[in-house]
Amino acid sequence: MSAETVTLPVAGMTCGNCARSVERKLTSTSGVKRATVNLDAASATVEFDPAQTAVPKLVAAIEQLGYGVPAPPK
């Protein structure tokens, strides 16, 4: 089982609470091993098991919180 890592742009985060919310949501997503959100860089780096989840599901998790993911990787 090999993990993949992706860095997603996250639009709309304005404070530390925003970043923590996104990090918690991603971490609780099935298949995610680790998620780190950087407010200053407006990005989320996610390590995940591609057998359990995929980038579109990670994007959807972020969008469920009301944040945007402009031009996510395919």
PDB file of N, CA and C in Angstrom:
ATOM      1  N   MET A   1       0.853  -1.177   0.000  1.00  0.00           N
ATOM      2  CA  MET A   1       0.000   0.000   0.000  1.00  0.00           C
ATOM      3  C   MET A   1       0.896   1.237   0.000  1.00  0.00           C
ATOM      4  N   SER A   2       0.957   1.909  -1.143  1.00  0.00           N
ATOM      5  CA  SER A   2       1.790   3.105  -1.225  1.00  0.00           C
ATOM      6  C   SER A   2       0.925   4.348  -1.126  1.00  0.00           C
ATOM      7  N   ALA A   3       1.413   5.325  -0.410  1.00  0.00           N
ATOM      8  CA  ALA A   3       0.683   6.567  -0.230  1.00  0.00           C
ATOM      9  C   ALA A   3       1.084   7.554  -1.316  1.00  0.00           C
ATOM     10  N   GLU A   4       0.143   8.414  -1.668  1.00  0.00           N
ATOM     11  CA  GLU A   4       0.414   9.509  -2.588  1.00  0.00           C
ATOM     12  C   GLU A   4       0.271  10.809  -1.809  1.00  0.00           C
ATOM     13  N   THR A   5       0.944  11.844  -2.288  1.00  0.00           N
ATOM     14  CA  THR A   5       0.842  13.157  -1.667  1.00  0.00           C
ATOM     15  C   THR A   5       0.450  14.162  -2.730  1.00  0.00           C
ATOM     16  N   VAL A   6      -0.491  15.027  -2.379  1.00  0.00           N
ATOM     17  CA  VAL A   6      -0.936  16.080  -3.287  1.00  0.00           C
ATOM     18  C   VAL A   6      -1.036  17.383  -2.493  1.00  0.00           C
ATOM     19  N   THR A   7      -0.712  18.489  -3.146  1.00  0.00           N
ATOM     20  CA  THR A   7      -0.891  19.802  -2.542  1.00  0.00           C
ATOM     21  C   THR A   7      -1.987  20.513  -3.318  1.00  0.00           C
ATOM     22  N   LEU A   8      -3.044  20.879  -2.607  1.00  0.00           N
ATOM     23  CA  LEU A   8      -4.204  21.521  -3.216  1.00  0.00           C
ATOM     24  C   LEU A   8      -4.253  22.988  -2.835  1.00  0.00           C
ATOM     25  N   PRO A   9      -4.567  23.875  -3.777  1.00  0.00           N
ATOM     26  CA  PRO A   9      -4.790  25.267  -3.424  1.00  0.00           C
ATOM     27  C   PRO A   9      -6.146  25.373  -2.722  1.00  0.00           C
ATOM     28  N   VAL A  10      -6.239  26.202  -1.692  1.00  0.00           N
ATOM     29  CA  VAL A  10      -7.502  26.375  -0.972  1.00  0.00           C
ATOM     30  C   VAL A  10      -7.811  27.864  -0.906  1.00  0.00           C
ATOM     31  N   ALA A  11      -8.916  28.256  -1.506  1.00  0.00           N
ATOM     32  CA  ALA A  11      -9.313  29.662  -1.530  1.00  0.00           C
ATOM     33  C   ALA A  11     -10.378  29.932  -0.472  1.00  0.00           C
ATOM     34  N   GLY A  12     -10.288  31.099   0.148  1.00  0.00           N
ATOM     35  CA  GLY A  12     -11.323  31.521   1.081  1.00  0.00           C
ATOM     36  C   GLY A  12     -10.979  31.394   2.548  1.00  0.00           C
ATOM     37  N   MET A  13      -9.827  30.827   2.867  1.00  0.00           N
ATOM     38  CA  MET A  13      -9.428  30.732   4.274  1.00  0.00           C
ATOM     39  C   MET A  13      -8.928  32.099   4.729  1.00  0.00           C
ATOM     40  N   THR A  14      -9.445  32.557   5.854  1.00  0.00           N
ATOM     41  CA  THR A  14      -9.070  33.890   6.337  1.00  0.00           C
ATOM     42  C   THR A  14      -8.428  33.892   7.716  1.00  0.00           C
ATOM     43  N   CYS A  15      -8.442  32.741   8.400  1.00  0.00           N
ATOM     44  CA  CYS A  15      -7.901  32.723   9.764  1.00  0.00           C
ATOM     45  C   CYS A  15      -7.437  31.314  10.129  1.00  0.00           C
ATOM     46  N   GLY A  16      -6.817  31.219  11.275  1.00  0.00           N
ATOM     47  CA  GLY A  16      -6.333  29.928  11.752  1.00  0.00           C
ATOM     48  C   GLY A  16      -7.446  28.917  11.948  1.00  0.00           C
ATOM     49  N   ASN A  17      -8.616  29.382  12.376  1.00  0.00           N
ATOM     50  CA  ASN A  17      -9.745  28.466  12.555  1.00  0.00           C
ATOM     51  C   ASN A  17     -10.169  27.856  11.225  1.00  0.00           C
ATOM     52  N   CYS A  18     -10.108  28.652  10.160  1.00  0.00           N
ATOM     53  CA  CYS A  18     -10.434  28.132   8.827  1.00  0.00           C
ATOM     54  C   CYS A  18      -9.482  26.999   8.474  1.00  0.00           C
ATOM     55  N   ALA A  19      -8.205  27.243   8.652  1.00  0.00           N
ATOM     56  CA  ALA A  19      -7.187  26.247   8.325  1.00  0.00           C
ATOM     57  C   ALA A  19      -7.376  24.979   9.157  1.00  0.00           C
ATOM     58  N   ARG A  20      -7.665  25.150  10.441  1.00  0.00           N
ATOM     59  CA  ARG A  20      -7.875  23.979  11.307  1.00  0.00           C
ATOM     60  C   ARG A  20      -9.119  23.195  10.884  1.00  0.00           C
ATOM     61  N   SER A  21     -10.164  23.887  10.460  1.00  0.00           N
ATOM     62  CA  SER A  21     -11.375  23.199  10.001  1.00  0.00           C
ATOM     63  C   SER A  21     -11.094  22.351   8.771  1.00  0.00           C
ATOM     64  N   VAL A  22     -10.360  22.911   7.824  1.00  0.00           N
ATOM     65  CA  VAL A  22     -10.014  22.179   6.612  1.00  0.00           C
ATOM     66  C   VAL A  22      -9.134  20.985   6.966  1.00  0.00           C
ATOM     67  N   GLU A  23      -8.172  21.195   7.843  1.00  0.00           N
ATOM     68  CA  GLU A  23      -7.272  20.107   8.246  1.00  0.00           C
ATOM     69  C   GLU A  23      -8.051  18.978   8.918  1.00  0.00           C
ATOM     70  N   ARG A  24      -8.961  19.326   9.813  1.00  0.00           N
ATOM     71  CA  ARG A  24      -9.782  18.303  10.498  1.00  0.00           C
ATOM     72  C   ARG A  24     -10.643  17.535   9.499  1.00  0.00           C
ATOM     73  N   LYS A  25     -11.254  18.250   8.567  1.00  0.00           N
ATOM     74  CA  LYS A  25     -12.120  17.608   7.579  1.00  0.00           C
ATOM     75  C   LYS A  25     -11.322  16.639   6.717  1.00  0.00           C
ATOM     76  N   LEU A  26     -10.171  17.067   6.252  1.00  0.00           N
ATOM     77  CA  LEU A  26      -9.344  16.195   5.424  1.00  0.00           C
ATOM     78  C   LEU A  26      -8.843  14.991   6.206  1.00  0.00           C
ATOM     79  N   THR A  27      -8.399  15.217   7.428  1.00  0.00           N
ATOM     80  CA  THR A  27      -7.876  14.132   8.255  1.00  0.00           C
ATOM     81  C   THR A  27      -8.941  13.074   8.537  1.00  0.00           C
ATOM     82  N   SER A  28     -10.195  13.508   8.638  1.00  0.00           N
ATOM     83  CA  SER A  28     -11.278  12.565   8.919  1.00  0.00           C
ATOM     84  C   SER A  28     -11.808  11.869   7.662  1.00  0.00           C
ATOM     85  N   THR A  29     -11.300  12.240   6.500  1.00  0.00           N
ATOM     86  CA  THR A  29     -11.720  11.615   5.248  1.00  0.00           C
ATOM     87  C   THR A  29     -11.077  10.236   5.129  1.00  0.00           C
ATOM     88  N   SER A  30     -11.873   9.258   4.783  1.00  0.00           N
ATOM     89  CA  SER A  30     -11.384   7.888   4.652  1.00  0.00           C
ATOM     90  C   SER A  30     -10.211   7.826   3.679  1.00  0.00           C
ATOM     91  N   GLY A  31      -9.151   7.156   4.093  1.00  0.00           N
ATOM     92  CA  GLY A  31      -7.983   6.975   3.243  1.00  0.00           C
ATOM     93  C   GLY A  31      -6.892   8.013   3.435  1.00  0.00           C
ATOM     94  N   VAL A  32      -7.200   9.093   4.169  1.00  0.00           N
ATOM     95  CA  VAL A  32      -6.208  10.144   4.390  1.00  0.00           C
ATOM     96  C   VAL A  32      -5.312   9.751   5.557  1.00  0.00           C
ATOM     97  N   LYS A  33      -4.022   9.755   5.302  1.00  0.00           N
ATOM     98  CA  LYS A  33      -3.044   9.421   6.339  1.00  0.00           C
ATOM     99  C   LYS A  33      -2.662  10.664   7.140  1.00  0.00           C
ATOM    100  N   ARG A  34      -2.489  11.789   6.414  1.00  0.00           N
ATOM    101  CA  ARG A  34      -2.042  13.018   7.062  1.00  0.00           C
ATOM    102  C   ARG A  34      -2.471  14.201   6.204  1.00  0.00           C
ATOM    103  N   ALA A  35      -2.857  15.284   6.854  1.00  0.00           N
ATOM    104  CA  ALA A  35      -3.196  16.519   6.144  1.00  0.00           C
ATOM    105  C   ALA A  35      -2.597  17.693   6.903  1.00  0.00           C
ATOM    106  N   THR A  36      -1.957  18.586   6.167  1.00  0.00           N
ATOM    107  CA  THR A  36      -1.373  19.786   6.746  1.00  0.00           C
ATOM    108  C   THR A  36      -1.841  20.975   5.924  1.00  0.00           C
ATOM    109  N   VAL A  37      -2.444  21.952   6.595  1.00  0.00           N
ATOM    110  CA  VAL A  37      -2.959  23.137   5.904  1.00  0.00           C
ATOM    111  C   VAL A  37      -2.082  24.325   6.258  1.00  0.00           C
ATOM    112  N   ASN A  38      -1.691  25.072   5.231  1.00  0.00           N
ATOM    113  CA  ASN A  38      -0.873  26.263   5.413  1.00  0.00           C
ATOM    114  C   ASN A  38      -1.710  27.476   5.031  1.00  0.00           C
ATOM    115  N   LEU A  39      -2.113  28.248   6.036  1.00  0.00           N
ATOM    116  CA  LEU A  39      -2.955  29.422   5.807  1.00  0.00           C
ATOM    117  C   LEU A  39      -2.240  30.444   4.934  1.00  0.00           C
ATOM    118  N   ASP A  40      -0.976  30.725   5.226  1.00  0.00           N
ATOM    119  CA  ASP A  40      -0.223  31.738   4.472  1.00  0.00           C
ATOM    120  C   ASP A  40      -0.065  31.366   3.002  1.00  0.00           C
ATOM    121  N   ALA A  41       0.131  30.092   2.734  1.00  0.00           N
ATOM    122  CA  ALA A  41       0.298  29.634   1.353  1.00  0.00           C
ATOM    123  C   ALA A  41      -1.040  29.292   0.702  1.00  0.00           C
ATOM    124  N   ALA A  42      -2.122  29.327   1.487  1.00  0.00           N
ATOM    125  CA  ALA A  42      -3.467  28.974   0.998  1.00  0.00           C
ATOM    126  C   ALA A  42      -3.451  27.615   0.312  1.00  0.00           C
ATOM    127  N   SER A  43      -2.911  26.623   1.044  1.00  0.00           N
ATOM    128  CA  SER A  43      -2.809  25.290   0.457  1.00  0.00           C
ATOM    129  C   SER A  43      -2.979  24.207   1.514  1.00  0.00           C
ATOM    130  N   ALA A  44      -3.300  23.020   1.024  1.00  0.00           N
ATOM    131  CA  ALA A  44      -3.410  21.843   1.879  1.00  0.00           C
ATOM    132  C   ALA A  44      -2.584  20.734   1.254  1.00  0.00           C
ATOM    133  N   THR A  45      -1.675  20.162   2.025  1.00  0.00           N
ATOM    134  CA  THR A  45      -0.881  19.032   1.566  1.00  0.00           C
ATOM    135  C   THR A  45      -1.454  17.786   2.223  1.00  0.00           C
ATOM    136  N   VAL A  46      -1.830  16.823   1.384  1.00  0.00           N
ATOM    137  CA  VAL A  46      -2.537  15.647   1.874  1.00  0.00           C
ATOM    138  C   VAL A  46      -1.804  14.387   1.435  1.00  0.00           C
ATOM    139  N   GLU A  47      -1.533  13.522   2.394  1.00  0.00           N
ATOM    140  CA  GLU A  47      -0.977  12.198   2.118  1.00  0.00           C
ATOM    141  C   GLU A  47      -2.132  11.210   2.250  1.00  0.00           C
ATOM    142  N   PHE A  48      -2.359  10.435   1.190  1.00  0.00           N
ATOM    143  CA  PHE A  48      -3.526   9.553   1.192  1.00  0.00           C
ATOM    144  C   PHE A  48      -3.231   8.236   0.487  1.00  0.00           C
ATOM    145  N   ASP A  49      -4.086   7.255   0.755  1.00  0.00           N
ATOM    146  CA  ASP A  49      -4.008   5.943   0.124  1.00  0.00           C
ATOM    147  C   ASP A  49      -4.902   5.979  -1.116  1.00  0.00           C
ATOM    148  N   PRO A  50      -4.314   5.917  -2.315  1.00  0.00           N
ATOM    149  CA  PRO A  50      -5.123   6.015  -3.537  1.00  0.00           C
ATOM    150  C   PRO A  50      -6.096   4.851  -3.729  1.00  0.00           C
ATOM    151  N   ALA A  51      -5.918   3.782  -2.978  1.00  0.00           N
ATOM    152  CA  ALA A  51      -6.863   2.665  -3.052  1.00  0.00           C
ATOM    153  C   ALA A  51      -8.143   2.977  -2.280  1.00  0.00           C
ATOM    154  N   GLN A  52      -8.078   3.981  -1.391  1.00  0.00           N
ATOM    155  CA  GLN A  52      -9.237   4.309  -0.550  1.00  0.00           C
ATOM    156  C   GLN A  52      -9.888   5.641  -0.898  1.00  0.00           C
ATOM    157  N   THR A  53      -9.150   6.546  -1.500  1.00  0.00           N
ATOM    158  CA  THR A  53      -9.714   7.853  -1.847  1.00  0.00           C
ATOM    159  C   THR A  53      -8.960   8.416  -3.047  1.00  0.00           C
ATOM    160  N   ALA A  54      -9.462   9.533  -3.572  1.00  0.00           N
ATOM    161  CA  ALA A  54      -8.855  10.154  -4.750  1.00  0.00           C
ATOM    162  C   ALA A  54      -8.949  11.671  -4.613  1.00  0.00           C
ATOM    163  N   VAL A  55      -8.196  12.372  -5.437  1.00  0.00           N
ATOM    164  CA  VAL A  55      -8.158  13.840  -5.368  1.00  0.00           C
ATOM    165  C   VAL A  55      -9.551  14.458  -5.451  1.00  0.00           C
ATOM    166  N   PRO A  56     -10.443  14.010  -6.349  1.00  0.00           N
ATOM    167  CA  PRO A  56     -11.779  14.629  -6.383  1.00  0.00           C
ATOM    168  C   PRO A  56     -12.537  14.535  -5.050  1.00  0.00           C
ATOM    169  N   LYS A  57     -12.326  13.454  -4.306  1.00  0.00           N
ATOM    170  CA  LYS A  57     -12.979  13.328  -2.993  1.00  0.00           C
ATOM    171  C   LYS A  57     -12.376  14.313  -1.997  1.00  0.00           C
ATOM    172  N   LEU A  58     -11.070  14.542  -2.089  1.00  0.00           N
ATOM    173  CA  LEU A  58     -10.421  15.512  -1.202  1.00  0.00           C
ATOM    174  C   LEU A  58     -10.929  16.919  -1.514  1.00  0.00           C
ATOM    175  N   VAL A  59     -11.050  17.221  -2.804  1.00  0.00           N
ATOM    176  CA  VAL A  59     -11.579  18.525  -3.229  1.00  0.00           C
ATOM    177  C   VAL A  59     -13.005  18.691  -2.719  1.00  0.00           C
ATOM    178  N   ALA A  60     -13.823  17.656  -2.856  1.00  0.00           N
ATOM    179  CA  ALA A  60     -15.209  17.717  -2.393  1.00  0.00           C
ATOM    180  C   ALA A  60     -15.287  17.959  -0.889  1.00  0.00           C
ATOM    181  N   ALA A  61     -14.398  17.338  -0.129  1.00  0.00           N
ATOM    182  CA  ALA A  61     -14.394  17.536   1.327  1.00  0.00           C
ATOM    183  C   ALA A  61     -14.119  18.997   1.670  1.00  0.00           C
ATOM    184  N   ILE A  62     -13.191  19.614   0.963  1.00  0.00           N
ATOM    185  CA  ILE A  62     -12.868  21.024   1.201  1.00  0.00           C
ATOM    186  C   ILE A  62     -14.048  21.907   0.792  1.00  0.00           C
ATOM    187  N   GLU A  63     -14.639  21.603  -0.355  1.00  0.00           N
ATOM    188  CA  GLU A  63     -15.754  22.412  -0.846  1.00  0.00           C
ATOM    189  C   GLU A  63     -16.987  22.291   0.041  1.00  0.00           C
ATOM    190  N   GLN A  64     -17.160  21.153   0.718  1.00  0.00           N
ATOM    191  CA  GLN A  64     -18.285  20.985   1.649  1.00  0.00           C
ATOM    192  C   GLN A  64     -18.212  22.003   2.780  1.00  0.00           C
ATOM    193  N   LEU A  65     -17.015  22.453   3.105  1.00  0.00           N
ATOM    194  CA  LEU A  65     -16.847  23.447   4.159  1.00  0.00           C
ATOM    195  C   LEU A  65     -17.040  24.869   3.652  1.00  0.00           C
ATOM    196  N   GLY A  66     -17.212  25.038   2.343  1.00  0.00           N
ATOM    197  CA  GLY A  66     -17.445  26.344   1.771  1.00  0.00           C
ATOM    198  C   GLY A  66     -16.218  27.024   1.206  1.00  0.00           C
ATOM    199  N   TYR A  67     -15.108  26.299   1.119  1.00  0.00           N
ATOM    200  CA  TYR A  67     -13.885  26.860   0.554  1.00  0.00           C
ATOM    201  C   TYR A  67     -13.741  26.385  -0.884  1.00  0.00           C
ATOM    202  N   GLY A  68     -13.003  27.141  -1.672  1.00  0.00           N
ATOM    203  CA  GLY A  68     -12.809  26.775  -3.058  1.00  0.00           C
ATOM    204  C   GLY A  68     -11.477  26.074  -3.261  1.00  0.00           C
ATOM    205  N   VAL A  69     -11.417  25.310  -4.329  1.00  0.00           N
ATOM    206  CA  VAL A  69     -10.165  24.657  -4.720  1.00  0.00           C
ATOM    207  C   VAL A  69      -9.946  25.002  -6.195  1.00  0.00           C
ATOM    208  N   PRO A  70      -9.317  26.165  -6.450  1.00  0.00           N
ATOM    209  CA  PRO A  70      -9.111  26.571  -7.834  1.00  0.00           C
ATOM    210  C   PRO A  70      -8.073  25.691  -8.528  1.00  0.00           C
ATOM    211  N   ALA A  71      -8.387  25.249  -9.729  1.00  0.00           N
ATOM    212  CA  ALA A  71      -7.472  24.458 -10.562  1.00  0.00           C
ATOM    213  C   ALA A  71      -6.819  23.309  -9.816  1.00  0.00           C
ATOM    214  N   PRO A  72      -7.620  22.369  -9.263  1.00  0.00           N
ATOM    215  CA  PRO A  72      -7.006  21.222  -8.595  1.00  0.00           C
ATOM    216  C   PRO A  72      -6.285  20.335  -9.604  1.00  0.00           C
ATOM    217  N   PRO A  73      -5.256  19.621  -9.165  1.00  0.00           N
ATOM    218  CA  PRO A  73      -4.554  18.704 -10.071  1.00  0.00           C
ATOM    219  C   PRO A  73      -5.497  17.585 -10.483  1.00  0.00           C
ATOM    220  N   LYS A  74      -5.271  17.029 -11.634  1.00  0.00           N
ATOM    221  CA  LYS A  74      -6.127  15.932 -12.151  1.00  0.00           C
ATOM    222  C   LYS A  74      -5.748  14.624 -11.511  1.00  0.00           C
TER     223      LYS A  74
END
